[in-house]
Amino acid sequence: MPVESFLTEPAHVDEPREAAEFSDVLSRVASDHRPVIVRRNGEALAVLIPLEHFVLLREVLARQDVEQLAAQIDWDRLVKTHPPAQEWFDGEEPKPF
């Protein structure tokens, strides 16, 4: 799934007044795979983004949340107080560690 670079400047449109105009803007975002900034009275109001950009944004934000939570864990203490189960080391299958 190729994703357009986020470094290019998004298009700008004035707030659609009619449902047909809004439909046209949505179609443009979906077909061009590029975000569009919607303006009201010349001021940026909202951004319409392609669905694949939204999915990527959610993944990035989720990763940031996980990294923040992981940074709060005392990993050295955790390994000492909660060692892995012996079954992880038994058997002949390849080990990830």
PDB file of N, CA and C in Angstrom:
ATOM      1  N   MET A   1       0.848  -1.171   0.000  1.00  0.00           N
ATOM      2  CA  MET A   1       0.000   0.000   0.000  1.00  0.00           C
ATOM      3  C   MET A   1       0.887   1.225   0.000  1.00  0.00           C
ATOM      4  N   PRO A   2       1.131   1.822  -1.146  1.00  0.00           N
ATOM      5  CA  PRO A   2       1.965   3.016  -1.189  1.00  0.00           C
ATOM      6  C   PRO A   2       1.255   4.196  -0.532  1.00  0.00           C
ATOM      7  N   VAL A   3       1.983   4.938   0.266  1.00  0.00           N
ATOM      8  CA  VAL A   3       1.428   6.093   0.964  1.00  0.00           C
ATOM      9  C   VAL A   3       2.190   7.328   0.511  1.00  0.00           C
ATOM     10  N   GLU A   4       1.465   8.359   0.122  1.00  0.00           N
ATOM     11  CA  GLU A   4       2.059   9.630  -0.291  1.00  0.00           C
ATOM     12  C   GLU A   4       2.840  10.218   0.873  1.00  0.00           C
ATOM     13  N   SER A   5       3.953  10.832   0.585  1.00  0.00           N
ATOM     14  CA  SER A   5       4.768  11.453   1.614  1.00  0.00           C
ATOM     15  C   SER A   5       3.972  12.521   2.348  1.00  0.00           C
ATOM     16  N   PHE A   6       4.173  12.594   3.661  1.00  0.00           N
ATOM     17  CA  PHE A   6       3.508  13.617   4.459  1.00  0.00           C
ATOM     18  C   PHE A   6       4.231  14.952   4.349  1.00  0.00           C
ATOM     19  N   LEU A   7       5.350  14.983   3.649  1.00  0.00           N
ATOM     20  CA  LEU A   7       6.134  16.206   3.560  1.00  0.00           C
ATOM     21  C   LEU A   7       5.585  17.176   2.521  1.00  0.00           C
ATOM     22  N   THR A   8       4.718  16.719   1.640  1.00  0.00           N
ATOM     23  CA  THR A   8       4.143  17.620   0.655  1.00  0.00           C
ATOM     24  C   THR A   8       3.006  18.407   1.296  1.00  0.00           C
ATOM     25  N   GLU A   9       2.857  19.639   0.874  1.00  0.00           N
ATOM     26  CA  GLU A   9       1.816  20.515   1.436  1.00  0.00           C
ATOM     27  C   GLU A   9       0.438  20.030   0.984  1.00  0.00           C
ATOM     28  N   PRO A  10      -0.504  19.859   1.920  1.00  0.00           N
ATOM     29  CA  PRO A  10      -1.857  19.448   1.539  1.00  0.00           C
ATOM     30  C   PRO A  10      -2.570  20.551   0.765  1.00  0.00           C
ATOM     31  N   ALA A  11      -3.548  20.156  -0.023  1.00  0.00           N
ATOM     32  CA  ALA A  11      -4.396  21.122  -0.719  1.00  0.00           C
ATOM     33  C   ALA A  11      -5.285  21.825   0.298  1.00  0.00           C
ATOM     34  N   HIS A  12      -5.799  22.984  -0.074  1.00  0.00           N
ATOM     35  CA  HIS A  12      -6.716  23.737   0.777  1.00  0.00           C
ATOM     36  C   HIS A  12      -8.004  23.969   0.000  1.00  0.00           C
ATOM     37  N   VAL A  13      -9.141  23.845   0.685  1.00  0.00           N
ATOM     38  CA  VAL A  13     -10.437  24.170   0.083  1.00  0.00           C
ATOM     39  C   VAL A  13     -11.244  24.957   1.092  1.00  0.00           C
ATOM     40  N   ASP A  14     -12.111  25.810   0.596  1.00  0.00           N
ATOM     41  CA  ASP A  14     -13.037  26.491   1.482  1.00  0.00           C
ATOM     42  C   ASP A  14     -14.132  25.515   1.871  1.00  0.00           C
ATOM     43  N   GLU A  15     -14.690  25.723   3.037  1.00  0.00           N
ATOM     44  CA  GLU A  15     -15.705  24.827   3.569  1.00  0.00           C
ATOM     45  C   GLU A  15     -16.819  24.620   2.542  1.00  0.00           C
ATOM     46  N   PRO A  16     -17.088  23.365   2.180  1.00  0.00           N
ATOM     47  CA  PRO A  16     -18.165  23.116   1.226  1.00  0.00           C
ATOM     48  C   PRO A  16     -19.518  23.534   1.814  1.00  0.00           C
ATOM     49  N   ARG A  17     -20.321  24.168   1.016  1.00  0.00           N
ATOM     50  CA  ARG A  17     -21.641  24.635   1.459  1.00  0.00           C
ATOM     51  C   ARG A  17     -22.731  23.629   1.143  1.00  0.00           C
ATOM     52  N   GLU A  18     -22.507  22.818   0.160  1.00  0.00           N
ATOM     53  CA  GLU A  18     -23.518  21.858  -0.290  1.00  0.00           C
ATOM     54  C   GLU A  18     -22.986  20.439  -0.097  1.00  0.00           C
ATOM     55  N   ALA A  19     -23.882  19.494   0.054  1.00  0.00           N
ATOM     56  CA  ALA A  19     -23.491  18.096   0.201  1.00  0.00           C
ATOM     57  C   ALA A  19     -22.711  17.615  -1.017  1.00  0.00           C
ATOM     58  N   ALA A  20     -23.085  18.069  -2.195  1.00  0.00           N
ATOM     59  CA  ALA A  20     -22.388  17.653  -3.417  1.00  0.00           C
ATOM     60  C   ALA A  20     -20.943  18.153  -3.408  1.00  0.00           C
ATOM     61  N   GLU A  21     -20.727  19.378  -2.925  1.00  0.00           N
ATOM     62  CA  GLU A  21     -19.363  19.905  -2.841  1.00  0.00           C
ATOM     63  C   GLU A  21     -18.535  19.083  -1.855  1.00  0.00           C
ATOM     64  N   PHE A  22     -19.145  18.735  -0.730  1.00  0.00           N
ATOM     65  CA  PHE A  22     -18.441  17.932   0.270  1.00  0.00           C
ATOM     66  C   PHE A  22     -18.114  16.560  -0.302  1.00  0.00           C
ATOM     67  N   SER A  23     -19.046  15.999  -1.023  1.00  0.00           N
ATOM     68  CA  SER A  23     -18.819  14.703  -1.667  1.00  0.00           C
ATOM     69  C   SER A  23     -17.653  14.778  -2.644  1.00  0.00           C
ATOM     70  N   ASP A  24     -17.557  15.871  -3.386  1.00  0.00           N
ATOM     71  CA  ASP A  24     -16.451  16.055  -4.337  1.00  0.00           C
ATOM     72  C   ASP A  24     -15.107  16.107  -3.602  1.00  0.00           C
ATOM     73  N   VAL A  25     -15.062  16.815  -2.480  1.00  0.00           N
ATOM     74  CA  VAL A  25     -13.820  16.911  -1.711  1.00  0.00           C
ATOM     75  C   VAL A  25     -13.438  15.530  -1.166  1.00  0.00           C
ATOM     76  N   LEU A  26     -14.405  14.800  -0.631  1.00  0.00           N
ATOM     77  CA  LEU A  26     -14.123  13.456  -0.122  1.00  0.00           C
ATOM     78  C   LEU A  26     -13.594  12.550  -1.226  1.00  0.00           C
ATOM     79  N   SER A  27     -14.209  12.634  -2.387  1.00  0.00           N
ATOM     80  CA  SER A  27     -13.767  11.809  -3.517  1.00  0.00           C
ATOM     81  C   SER A  27     -12.338  12.165  -3.917  1.00  0.00           C
ATOM     82  N   ARG A  28     -12.018  13.445  -3.882  1.00  0.00           N
ATOM     83  CA  ARG A  28     -10.668  13.892  -4.225  1.00  0.00           C
ATOM     84  C   ARG A  28      -9.636  13.346  -3.237  1.00  0.00           C
ATOM     85  N   VAL A  29      -9.960  13.406  -1.950  1.00  0.00           N
ATOM     86  CA  VAL A  29      -9.055  12.884  -0.924  1.00  0.00           C
ATOM     87  C   VAL A  29      -8.850  11.382  -1.121  1.00  0.00           C
ATOM     88  N   ALA A  30      -9.937  10.666  -1.359  1.00  0.00           N
ATOM     89  CA  ALA A  30      -9.859   9.212  -1.519  1.00  0.00           C
ATOM     90  C   ALA A  30      -9.110   8.819  -2.786  1.00  0.00           C
ATOM     91  N   SER A  31      -9.339   9.510  -3.877  1.00  0.00           N
ATOM     92  CA  SER A  31      -8.717   9.112  -5.142  1.00  0.00           C
ATOM     93  C   SER A  31      -7.271   9.568  -5.255  1.00  0.00           C
ATOM     94  N   ASP A  32      -6.952  10.761  -4.747  1.00  0.00           N
ATOM     95  CA  ASP A  32      -5.587  11.282  -4.839  1.00  0.00           C
ATOM     96  C   ASP A  32      -4.689  10.793  -3.706  1.00  0.00           C
ATOM     97  N   HIS A  33      -5.299  10.233  -2.649  1.00  0.00           N
ATOM     98  CA  HIS A  33      -4.555   9.763  -1.469  1.00  0.00           C
ATOM     99  C   HIS A  33      -3.722  10.881  -0.865  1.00  0.00           C
ATOM    100  N   ARG A  34      -4.319  12.068  -0.824  1.00  0.00           N
ATOM    101  CA  ARG A  34      -3.646  13.241  -0.254  1.00  0.00           C
ATOM    102  C   ARG A  34      -4.616  13.965   0.663  1.00  0.00           C
ATOM    103  N   PRO A  35      -4.121  14.514   1.773  1.00  0.00           N
ATOM    104  CA  PRO A  35      -5.000  15.254   2.672  1.00  0.00           C
ATOM    105  C   PRO A  35      -5.427  16.584   2.073  1.00  0.00           C
ATOM    106  N   VAL A  36      -6.545  17.087   2.556  1.00  0.00           N
ATOM    107  CA  VAL A  36      -7.058  18.394   2.150  1.00  0.00           C
ATOM    108  C   VAL A  36      -7.435  19.152   3.422  1.00  0.00           C
ATOM    109  N   ILE A  37      -6.941  20.365   3.534  1.00  0.00           N
ATOM    110  CA  ILE A  37      -7.295  21.223   4.666  1.00  0.00           C
ATOM    111  C   ILE A  37      -8.546  22.001   4.288  1.00  0.00           C
ATOM    112  N   VAL A  38      -9.551  21.929   5.149  1.00  0.00           N
ATOM    113  CA  VAL A  38     -10.809  22.648   4.933  1.00  0.00           C
ATOM    114  C   VAL A  38     -10.746  23.955   5.704  1.00  0.00           C
ATOM    115  N   ARG A  39     -11.064  25.047   5.012  1.00  0.00           N
ATOM    116  CA  ARG A  39     -11.017  26.374   5.630  1.00  0.00           C
ATOM    117  C   ARG A  39     -12.430  26.930   5.805  1.00  0.00           C
ATOM    118  N   ARG A  40     -12.583  27.735   6.845  1.00  0.00           N
ATOM    119  CA  ARG A  40     -13.820  28.503   7.056  1.00  0.00           C
ATOM    120  C   ARG A  40     -13.395  29.942   7.270  1.00  0.00           C
ATOM    121  N   ASN A  41     -13.943  30.827   6.448  1.00  0.00           N
ATOM    122  CA  ASN A  41     -13.577  32.241   6.527  1.00  0.00           C
ATOM    123  C   ASN A  41     -12.063  32.443   6.421  1.00  0.00           C
ATOM    124  N   GLY A  42     -11.417  31.633   5.598  1.00  0.00           N
ATOM    125  CA  GLY A  42      -9.988  31.766   5.364  1.00  0.00           C
ATOM    126  C   GLY A  42      -9.093  31.116   6.406  1.00  0.00           C
ATOM    127  N   GLU A  43      -9.669  30.596   7.475  1.00  0.00           N
ATOM    128  CA  GLU A  43      -8.892  29.964   8.545  1.00  0.00           C
ATOM    129  C   GLU A  43      -9.009  28.448   8.444  1.00  0.00           C
ATOM    130  N   ALA A  44      -7.889  27.753   8.648  1.00  0.00           N
ATOM    131  CA  ALA A  44      -7.899  26.290   8.643  1.00  0.00           C
ATOM    132  C   ALA A  44      -8.840  25.793   9.740  1.00  0.00           C
ATOM    133  N   LEU A  45      -9.711  24.869   9.380  1.00  0.00           N
ATOM    134  CA  LEU A  45     -10.738  24.379  10.305  1.00  0.00           C
ATOM    135  C   LEU A  45     -10.546  22.903  10.624  1.00  0.00           C
ATOM    136  N   ALA A  46     -10.281  22.104   9.604  1.00  0.00           N
ATOM    137  CA  ALA A  46     -10.167  20.657   9.776  1.00  0.00           C
ATOM    138  C   ALA A  46      -9.346  20.098   8.618  1.00  0.00           C
ATOM    139  N   VAL A  47      -8.980  18.845   8.759  1.00  0.00           N
ATOM    140  CA  VAL A  47      -8.246  18.164   7.696  1.00  0.00           C
ATOM    141  C   VAL A  47      -8.965  16.872   7.370  1.00  0.00           C
ATOM    142  N   LEU A  48      -9.169  16.647   6.096  1.00  0.00           N
ATOM    143  CA  LEU A  48      -9.682  15.368   5.628  1.00  0.00           C
ATOM    144  C   LEU A  48      -8.476  14.577   5.134  1.00  0.00           C
ATOM    145  N   ILE A  49      -8.304  13.368   5.664  1.00  0.00           N
ATOM    146  CA  ILE A  49      -7.156  12.565   5.270  1.00  0.00           C
ATOM    147  C   ILE A  49      -7.629  11.232   4.713  1.00  0.00           C
ATOM    148  N   PRO A  50      -6.841  10.645   3.822  1.00  0.00           N
ATOM    149  CA  PRO A  50      -7.183   9.324   3.315  1.00  0.00           C
ATOM    150  C   PRO A  50      -7.176   8.307   4.455  1.00  0.00           C
ATOM    151  N   LEU A  51      -7.960   7.276   4.306  1.00  0.00           N
ATOM    152  CA  LEU A  51      -8.080   6.270   5.351  1.00  0.00           C
ATOM    153  C   LEU A  51      -6.737   5.643   5.699  1.00  0.00           C
ATOM    154  N   GLU A  52      -5.884   5.397   4.708  1.00  0.00           N
ATOM    155  CA  GLU A  52      -4.593   4.769   5.008  1.00  0.00           C
ATOM    156  C   GLU A  52      -3.709   5.686   5.841  1.00  0.00           C
ATOM    157  N   HIS A  53      -3.852   7.000   5.705  1.00  0.00           N
ATOM    158  CA  HIS A  53      -3.101   7.929   6.554  1.00  0.00           C
ATOM    159  C   HIS A  53      -3.627   7.865   7.987  1.00  0.00           C
ATOM    160  N   PHE A  54      -4.939   7.731   8.125  1.00  0.00           N
ATOM    161  CA  PHE A  54      -5.544   7.621   9.451  1.00  0.00           C
ATOM    162  C   PHE A  54      -5.062   6.353  10.158  1.00  0.00           C
ATOM    163  N   VAL A  55      -5.023   5.244   9.428  1.00  0.00           N
ATOM    164  CA  VAL A  55      -4.547   3.984  10.004  1.00  0.00           C
ATOM    165  C   VAL A  55      -3.103   4.142  10.465  1.00  0.00           C
ATOM    166  N   LEU A  56      -2.271   4.741   9.626  1.00  0.00           N
ATOM    167  CA  LEU A  56      -0.877   4.959   9.978  1.00  0.00           C
ATOM    168  C   LEU A  56      -0.751   5.886  11.186  1.00  0.00           C
ATOM    169  N   LEU A  57      -1.532   6.938  11.219  1.00  0.00           N
ATOM    170  CA  LEU A  57      -1.507   7.874  12.345  1.00  0.00           C
ATOM    171  C   LEU A  57      -1.868   7.161  13.649  1.00  0.00           C
ATOM    172  N   ARG A  58      -2.904   6.327  13.609  1.00  0.00           N
ATOM    173  CA  ARG A  58      -3.293   5.581  14.816  1.00  0.00           C
ATOM    174  C   ARG A  58      -2.179   4.646  15.268  1.00  0.00           C
ATOM    175  N   GLU A  59      -1.509   3.999  14.319  1.00  0.00           N
ATOM    176  CA  GLU A  59      -0.402   3.105  14.673  1.00  0.00           C
ATOM    177  C   GLU A  59       0.744   3.876  15.309  1.00  0.00           C
ATOM    178  N   VAL A  60       1.063   5.037  14.771  1.00  0.00           N
ATOM    179  CA  VAL A  60       2.143   5.862  15.324  1.00  0.00           C
ATOM    180  C   VAL A  60       1.784   6.314  16.744  1.00  0.00           C
ATOM    181  N   LEU A  61       0.559   6.771  16.933  1.00  0.00           N
ATOM    182  CA  LEU A  61       0.140   7.228  18.261  1.00  0.00           C
ATOM    183  C   LEU A  61       0.109   6.076  19.262  1.00  0.00           C
ATOM    184  N   ALA A  62      -0.342   4.908  18.827  1.00  0.00           N
ATOM    185  CA  ALA A  62      -0.359   3.736  19.710  1.00  0.00           C
ATOM    186  C   ALA A  62       1.060   3.356  20.097  1.00  0.00           C
ATOM    187  N   ARG A  63       1.975   3.404  19.136  1.00  0.00           N
ATOM    188  CA  ARG A  63       3.374   3.076  19.434  1.00  0.00           C
ATOM    189  C   ARG A  63       3.959   4.063  20.438  1.00  0.00           C
ATOM    190  N   GLN A  64       3.645   5.346  20.285  1.00  0.00           N
ATOM    191  CA  GLN A  64       4.130   6.342  21.240  1.00  0.00           C
ATOM    192  C   GLN A  64       3.599   6.044  22.637  1.00  0.00           C
ATOM    193  N   ASP A  65       2.326   5.679  22.743  1.00  0.00           N
ATOM    194  CA  ASP A  65       1.747   5.337  24.045  1.00  0.00           C
ATOM    195  C   ASP A  65       2.475   4.155  24.672  1.00  0.00           C
ATOM    196  N   VAL A  66       2.729   3.124  23.875  1.00  0.00           N
ATOM    197  CA  VAL A  66       3.410   1.932  24.384  1.00  0.00           C
ATOM    198  C   VAL A  66       4.831   2.273  24.812  1.00  0.00           C
ATOM    199  N   GLU A  67       5.521   3.095  24.025  1.00  0.00           N
ATOM    200  CA  GLU A  67       6.886   3.479  24.390  1.00  0.00           C
ATOM    201  C   GLU A  67       6.906   4.281  25.688  1.00  0.00           C
ATOM    202  N   GLN A  68       5.914   5.149  25.891  1.00  0.00           N
ATOM    203  CA  GLN A  68       5.837   5.909  27.138  1.00  0.00           C
ATOM    204  C   GLN A  68       5.591   4.978  28.322  1.00  0.00           C
ATOM    205  N   LEU A  69       4.696   4.003  28.145  1.00  0.00           N
ATOM    206  CA  LEU A  69       4.431   3.043  29.220  1.00  0.00           C
ATOM    207  C   LEU A  69       5.665   2.184  29.498  1.00  0.00           C
ATOM    208  N   ALA A  70       6.337   1.731  28.444  1.00  0.00           N
ATOM    209  CA  ALA A  70       7.524   0.887  28.616  1.00  0.00           C
ATOM    210  C   ALA A  70       8.637   1.645  29.333  1.00  0.00           C
ATOM    211  N   ALA A  71       8.721   2.943  29.108  1.00  0.00           N
ATOM    212  CA  ALA A  71       9.757   3.757  29.757  1.00  0.00           C
ATOM    213  C   ALA A  71       9.535   3.858  31.265  1.00  0.00           C
ATOM    214  N   GLN A  72       8.331   3.612  31.714  1.00  0.00           N
ATOM    215  CA  GLN A  72       8.011   3.694  33.138  1.00  0.00           C
ATOM    216  C   GLN A  72       8.334   2.404  33.890  1.00  0.00           C
ATOM    217  N   ILE A  73       8.663   1.345  33.167  1.00  0.00           N
ATOM    218  CA  ILE A  73       8.921   0.045  33.790  1.00  0.00           C
ATOM    219  C   ILE A  73      10.387  -0.064  34.162  1.00  0.00           C
ATOM    220  N   ASP A  74      10.644  -0.547  35.365  1.00  0.00           N
ATOM    221  CA  ASP A  74      12.007  -0.855  35.797  1.00  0.00           C
ATOM    222  C   ASP A  74      12.300  -2.275  35.315  1.00  0.00           C
ATOM    223  N   TRP A  75      12.881  -2.365  34.129  1.00  0.00           N
ATOM    224  CA  TRP A  75      13.063  -3.672  33.483  1.00  0.00           C
ATOM    225  C   TRP A  75      14.017  -4.567  34.263  1.00  0.00           C
ATOM    226  N   ASP A  76      15.071  -4.007  34.838  1.00  0.00           N
ATOM    227  CA  ASP A  76      16.012  -4.824  35.608  1.00  0.00           C
ATOM    228  C   ASP A  76      15.317  -5.455  36.809  1.00  0.00           C
ATOM    229  N   ARG A  77      14.524  -4.669  37.511  1.00  0.00           N
ATOM    230  CA  ARG A  77      13.799  -5.198  38.669  1.00  0.00           C
ATOM    231  C   ARG A  77      12.761  -6.222  38.233  1.00  0.00           C
ATOM    232  N   LEU A  78      12.075  -5.941  37.125  1.00  0.00           N
ATOM    233  CA  LEU A  78      11.040  -6.851  36.640  1.00  0.00           C
ATOM    234  C   LEU A  78      11.615  -8.223  36.306  1.00  0.00           C
ATOM    235  N   VAL A  79      12.772  -8.260  35.656  1.00  0.00           N
ATOM    236  CA  VAL A  79      13.396  -9.539  35.299  1.00  0.00           C
ATOM    237  C   VAL A  79      13.773 -10.318  36.552  1.00  0.00           C
ATOM    238  N   LYS A  80      14.224  -9.602  37.584  1.00  0.00           N
ATOM    239  CA  LYS A  80      14.620 -10.283  38.822  1.00  0.00           C
ATOM    240  C   LYS A  80      13.409 -10.784  39.607  1.00  0.00           C
ATOM    241  N   THR A  81      12.332 -10.024  39.617  1.00  0.00           N
ATOM    242  CA  THR A  81      11.163 -10.403  40.417  1.00  0.00           C
ATOM    243  C   THR A  81      10.181 -11.289  39.660  1.00  0.00           C
ATOM    244  N   HIS A  82      10.254 -11.293  38.338  1.00  0.00           N
ATOM    245  CA  HIS A  82       9.339 -12.100  37.523  1.00  0.00           C
ATOM    246  C   HIS A  82      10.123 -12.792  36.399  1.00  0.00           C
ATOM    247  N   PRO A  83      10.976 -13.738  36.745  1.00  0.00           N
ATOM    248  CA  PRO A  83      11.754 -14.414  35.702  1.00  0.00           C
ATOM    249  C   PRO A  83      10.831 -15.222  34.792  1.00  0.00           C
ATOM    250  N   PRO A  84      11.275 -15.487  33.570  1.00  0.00           N
ATOM    251  CA  PRO A  84      10.447 -16.285  32.664  1.00  0.00           C
ATOM    252  C   PRO A  84      10.287 -17.712  33.190  1.00  0.00           C
ATOM    253  N   ALA A  85       9.206 -18.336  32.801  1.00  0.00           N
ATOM    254  CA  ALA A  85       8.939 -19.708  33.226  1.00  0.00           C
ATOM    255  C   ALA A  85       9.988 -20.654  32.636  1.00  0.00           C
ATOM    256  N   GLN A  86      10.327 -21.700  33.387  1.00  0.00           N
ATOM    257  CA  GLN A  86      11.340 -22.653  32.942  1.00  0.00           C
ATOM    258  C   GLN A  86      10.942 -23.309  31.617  1.00  0.00           C
ATOM    259  N   GLU A  87       9.633 -23.471  31.376  1.00  0.00           N
ATOM    260  CA  GLU A  87       9.177 -24.093  30.124  1.00  0.00           C
ATOM    261  C   GLU A  87       9.685 -23.351  28.900  1.00  0.00           C
ATOM    262  N   TRP A  88       9.951 -22.072  29.053  1.00  0.00           N
ATOM    263  CA  TRP A  88      10.463 -21.290  27.924  1.00  0.00           C
ATOM    264  C   TRP A  88      11.827 -21.791  27.476  1.00  0.00           C
ATOM    265  N   PHE A  89      12.553 -22.377  28.395  1.00  0.00           N
ATOM    266  CA  PHE A  89      13.917 -22.821  28.100  1.00  0.00           C
ATOM    267  C   PHE A  89      13.987 -24.302  27.757  1.00  0.00           C
ATOM    268  N   ASP A  90      12.923 -25.045  28.064  1.00  0.00           N
ATOM    269  CA  ASP A  90      12.887 -26.478  27.792  1.00  0.00           C
ATOM    270  C   ASP A  90      12.541 -26.729  26.331  1.00  0.00           C
ATOM    271  N   GLY A  91      12.838 -27.913  25.861  1.00  0.00           N
ATOM    272  CA  GLY A  91      12.480 -28.273  24.492  1.00  0.00           C
ATOM    273  C   GLY A  91      13.579 -27.927  23.508  1.00  0.00           C
ATOM    274  N   GLU A  92      13.405 -28.433  22.304  1.00  0.00           N
ATOM    275  CA  GLU A  92      14.436 -28.294  21.273  1.00  0.00           C
ATOM    276  C   GLU A  92      14.117 -27.202  20.244  1.00  0.00           C
ATOM    277  N   GLU A  93      12.910 -26.626  20.304  1.00  0.00           N
ATOM    278  CA  GLU A  93      12.541 -25.614  19.306  1.00  0.00           C
ATOM    279  C   GLU A  93      13.453 -24.402  19.421  1.00  0.00           C
ATOM    280  N   PRO A  94      13.617 -23.662  18.332  1.00  0.00           N
ATOM    281  CA  PRO A  94      14.480 -22.469  18.381  1.00  0.00           C
ATOM    282  C   PRO A  94      13.945 -21.453  19.393  1.00  0.00           C
ATOM    283  N   LYS A  95      14.842 -20.805  20.082  1.00  0.00           N
ATOM    284  CA  LYS A  95      14.465 -19.800  21.081  1.00  0.00           C
ATOM    285  C   LYS A  95      14.730 -18.405  20.530  1.00  0.00           C
ATOM    286  N   PRO A  96      13.852 -17.454  20.847  1.00  0.00           N
ATOM    287  CA  PRO A  96      14.041 -16.086  20.352  1.00  0.00           C
ATOM    288  C   PRO A  96      15.067 -15.290  21.151  1.00  0.00           C
ATOM    289  N   PHE A  97      15.742 -15.938  22.120  1.00  0.00           N
ATOM    290  CA  PHE A  97      16.687 -15.228  22.967  1.00  0.00           C
ATOM    291  C   PHE A  97      17.970 -15.992  23.068  1.00  0.00           C
TER     292      PHE A  97
END
